[in-house]
Amino acid sequence: LAENYPPPTPCTKPISDSLLETQITQLKSNHIERDRIKDAKWLISNSCLSVFLSGKILAAFDYDDAKLILAEFGYDYIMDKANFLNLLNSFYHKTEKEELKTFYSSKTQKQIKP
């Protein structure tokens, strides 16, 4: 089943803290991980987020594999891509941290190539 999320668009005004906290509270209330990930993807794709705010969303998840899915999904949507690796602080395990670094390297290498 294909997931339909809007394409990334430039954003200039991040989502308000109060709205984000409301959305995160709703995420936490859903106990089915697959649905929580889907809802978080919707939030990411429909909000103007910084890396800091993305980290708040990741903090709503207990497992690094879910956080990795969301961090990689959110890369194209965040406004301050240069700070992306700050999300490493959201992870507990070295494996997922290394995967995120590899992902970031692959994204930044594609931008450099002519």
C-alpha atoms as a PDB file:
ATOM      1  CA  LEU A   1       0.000   0.000   0.000  1.00  0.00           C
ATOM      2  CA  ALA A   2       1.580   3.242  -1.118  1.00  0.00           C
ATOM      3  CA  GLU A   3       1.884   6.041   1.396  1.00  0.00           C
ATOM      4  CA  ASN A   4       0.921   9.471   0.117  1.00  0.00           C
ATOM      5  CA  TYR A   5       2.722  12.381   1.718  1.00  0.00           C
ATOM      6  CA  PRO A   6       3.094  15.833   0.206  1.00  0.00           C
ATOM      7  CA  PRO A   7       6.421  16.589  -1.468  1.00  0.00           C
ATOM      8  CA  PRO A   8       8.872  18.723   0.499  1.00  0.00           C
ATOM      9  CA  THR A   9       8.428  22.451   0.016  1.00  0.00           C
ATOM     10  CA  PRO A  10      10.535  25.328   1.328  1.00  0.00           C
ATOM     11  CA  CYS A  11       9.286  26.607   4.642  1.00  0.00           C
ATOM     12  CA  THR A  12      10.127  29.693   6.616  1.00  0.00           C
ATOM     13  CA  LYS A  13       8.003  29.592   9.774  1.00  0.00           C
ATOM     14  CA  PRO A  14       8.361  26.536  12.041  1.00  0.00           C
ATOM     15  CA  ILE A  15       5.334  24.954  13.679  1.00  0.00           C
ATOM     16  CA  SER A  16       4.490  26.527  17.031  1.00  0.00           C
ATOM     17  CA  ASP A  17       5.677  24.789  20.200  1.00  0.00           C
ATOM     18  CA  SER A  18       2.138  24.445  21.524  1.00  0.00           C
ATOM     19  CA  LEU A  19       0.821  22.848  18.336  1.00  0.00           C
ATOM     20  CA  LEU A  20       3.806  20.513  18.162  1.00  0.00           C
ATOM     21  CA  GLU A  21       3.342  19.469  21.802  1.00  0.00           C
ATOM     22  CA  THR A  22      -0.336  18.748  21.112  1.00  0.00           C
ATOM     23  CA  GLN A  23       0.601  16.609  18.111  1.00  0.00           C
ATOM     24  CA  ILE A  24       3.286  14.758  20.095  1.00  0.00           C
ATOM     25  CA  THR A  25       0.802  14.050  22.900  1.00  0.00           C
ATOM     26  CA  GLN A  26      -1.541  12.529  20.318  1.00  0.00           C
ATOM     27  CA  LEU A  27       1.333  10.431  18.922  1.00  0.00           C
ATOM     28  CA  LYS A  28       2.161   9.095  22.363  1.00  0.00           C
ATOM     29  CA  SER A  29      -1.468   8.132  22.998  1.00  0.00           C
ATOM     30  CA  ASN A  30      -1.428   5.683  20.091  1.00  0.00           C
ATOM     31  CA  HIS A  31       0.120   2.404  21.242  1.00  0.00           C
ATOM     32  CA  ILE A  32       0.405   0.753  17.834  1.00  0.00           C
ATOM     33  CA  GLU A  33       3.925   1.522  16.623  1.00  0.00           C
ATOM     34  CA  ARG A  34       3.145   1.195  12.908  1.00  0.00           C
ATOM     35  CA  ASP A  35       0.291   3.697  13.223  1.00  0.00           C
ATOM     36  CA  ARG A  36       2.420   6.044  15.321  1.00  0.00           C
ATOM     37  CA  ILE A  37       5.093   6.049  12.605  1.00  0.00           C
ATOM     38  CA  LYS A  38       2.476   6.760   9.942  1.00  0.00           C
ATOM     39  CA  ASP A  39       1.038   9.616  12.024  1.00  0.00           C
ATOM     40  CA  ALA A  40       4.513  11.012  12.687  1.00  0.00           C
ATOM     41  CA  LYS A  41       5.293  10.937   8.955  1.00  0.00           C
ATOM     42  CA  TRP A  42       2.111  12.891   8.333  1.00  0.00           C
ATOM     43  CA  LEU A  43       3.128  15.434  10.984  1.00  0.00           C
ATOM     44  CA  ILE A  44       6.636  15.750   9.536  1.00  0.00           C
ATOM     45  CA  SER A  45       5.431  16.095   5.959  1.00  0.00           C
ATOM     46  CA  ASN A  46       2.795  18.689   6.827  1.00  0.00           C
ATOM     47  CA  SER A  47       4.816  20.884   9.194  1.00  0.00           C
ATOM     48  CA  CYS A  48       7.703  23.257   8.924  1.00  0.00           C
ATOM     49  CA  LEU A  49      10.308  21.677  11.210  1.00  0.00           C
ATOM     50  CA  SER A  50      13.832  22.368  12.339  1.00  0.00           C
ATOM     51  CA  VAL A  51      16.182  19.593  13.425  1.00  0.00           C
ATOM     52  CA  PHE A  52      15.473  20.570  17.026  1.00  0.00           C
ATOM     53  CA  LEU A  53      11.718  20.156  16.546  1.00  0.00           C
ATOM     54  CA  SER A  54      12.275  16.899  14.648  1.00  0.00           C
ATOM     55  CA  GLY A  55      14.211  15.649  17.660  1.00  0.00           C
ATOM     56  CA  LYS A  56      11.162  16.322  19.832  1.00  0.00           C
ATOM     57  CA  ILE A  57       9.104  14.081  17.562  1.00  0.00           C
ATOM     58  CA  LEU A  58      11.746  11.349  17.683  1.00  0.00           C
ATOM     59  CA  ALA A  59      11.719  11.544  21.480  1.00  0.00           C
ATOM     60  CA  ALA A  60       8.102  10.348  21.406  1.00  0.00           C
ATOM     61  CA  PHE A  61       9.371   6.960  20.198  1.00  0.00           C
ATOM     62  CA  ASP A  62      11.030   4.326  22.349  1.00  0.00           C
ATOM     63  CA  TYR A  63      12.809   2.301  19.686  1.00  0.00           C
ATOM     64  CA  ASP A  64      15.764   3.398  17.597  1.00  0.00           C
ATOM     65  CA  ASP A  65      14.510   1.594  14.486  1.00  0.00           C
ATOM     66  CA  ALA A  66      11.357   3.755  14.459  1.00  0.00           C
ATOM     67  CA  LYS A  67      13.439   6.872  15.101  1.00  0.00           C
ATOM     68  CA  LEU A  68      15.730   5.989  12.195  1.00  0.00           C
ATOM     69  CA  ILE A  69      12.773   5.538   9.841  1.00  0.00           C
ATOM     70  CA  LEU A  70      11.410   8.945  10.834  1.00  0.00           C
ATOM     71  CA  ALA A  71      14.758  10.754  10.774  1.00  0.00           C
ATOM     72  CA  GLU A  72      15.500   9.506   7.267  1.00  0.00           C
ATOM     73  CA  PHE A  73      11.953  10.280   6.102  1.00  0.00           C
ATOM     74  CA  GLY A  74      12.137  13.762   7.606  1.00  0.00           C
ATOM     75  CA  TYR A  75      15.455  14.764   6.052  1.00  0.00           C
ATOM     76  CA  ASP A  76      13.898  16.274   2.934  1.00  0.00           C
ATOM     77  CA  TYR A  77      11.332  18.178   5.004  1.00  0.00           C
ATOM     78  CA  ILE A  78      13.542  19.874   7.590  1.00  0.00           C
ATOM     79  CA  MET A  79      14.634  23.472   7.081  1.00  0.00           C
ATOM     80  CA  ASP A  80      18.138  23.275   8.556  1.00  0.00           C
ATOM     81  CA  LYS A  81      19.669  20.233   6.889  1.00  0.00           C
ATOM     82  CA  ALA A  82      23.178  21.324   7.925  1.00  0.00           C
ATOM     83  CA  ASN A  83      22.214  20.474  11.528  1.00  0.00           C
ATOM     84  CA  PHE A  84      20.787  17.048  10.646  1.00  0.00           C
ATOM     85  CA  LEU A  85      23.446  15.067  12.483  1.00  0.00           C
ATOM     86  CA  ASN A  86      22.328  16.683  15.748  1.00  0.00           C
ATOM     87  CA  LEU A  87      19.602  14.031  15.625  1.00  0.00           C
ATOM     88  CA  LEU A  88      22.263  11.482  16.589  1.00  0.00           C
ATOM     89  CA  ASN A  89      21.563  12.536  20.182  1.00  0.00           C
ATOM     90  CA  SER A  90      18.083  11.006  19.807  1.00  0.00           C
ATOM     91  CA  PHE A  91      19.499   7.486  19.423  1.00  0.00           C
ATOM     92  CA  TYR A  92      20.674   5.034  22.062  1.00  0.00           C
ATOM     93  CA  HIS A  93      22.493   2.450  19.964  1.00  0.00           C
ATOM     94  CA  LYS A  94      25.636   2.816  17.906  1.00  0.00           C
ATOM     95  CA  THR A  95      24.194   0.795  15.006  1.00  0.00           C
ATOM     96  CA  GLU A  96      21.388   3.266  14.276  1.00  0.00           C
ATOM     97  CA  LYS A  97      23.732   6.217  14.797  1.00  0.00           C
ATOM     98  CA  GLU A  98      26.071   4.784  12.166  1.00  0.00           C
ATOM     99  CA  GLU A  99      23.149   4.146   9.816  1.00  0.00           C
ATOM    100  CA  LEU A 100      22.036   7.764  10.199  1.00  0.00           C
ATOM    101  CA  LYS A 101      25.560   9.016   9.455  1.00  0.00           C
ATOM    102  CA  THR A 102      25.704   6.817   6.352  1.00  0.00           C
ATOM    103  CA  PHE A 103      22.303   8.091   5.234  1.00  0.00           C
ATOM    104  CA  TYR A 104      23.389  11.712   5.719  1.00  0.00           C
ATOM    105  CA  SER A 105      26.608  11.111   3.792  1.00  0.00           C
ATOM    106  CA  SER A 106      24.688   9.601   0.895  1.00  0.00           C
ATOM    107  CA  LYS A 107      22.300  12.570   0.820  1.00  0.00           C
ATOM    108  CA  THR A 108      25.051  15.188   0.963  1.00  0.00           C
ATOM    109  CA  GLN A 109      27.199  13.410  -1.622  1.00  0.00           C
ATOM    110  CA  LYS A 110      24.296  13.469  -4.087  1.00  0.00           C
ATOM    111  CA  GLN A 111      24.018  17.233  -3.653  1.00  0.00           C
ATOM    112  CA  ILE A 112      27.717  17.790  -4.385  1.00  0.00           C
ATOM    113  CA  LYS A 113      27.853  15.739  -7.596  1.00  0.00           C
ATOM    114  CA  PRO A 114      27.251  17.751 -10.796  1.00  0.00           C
END
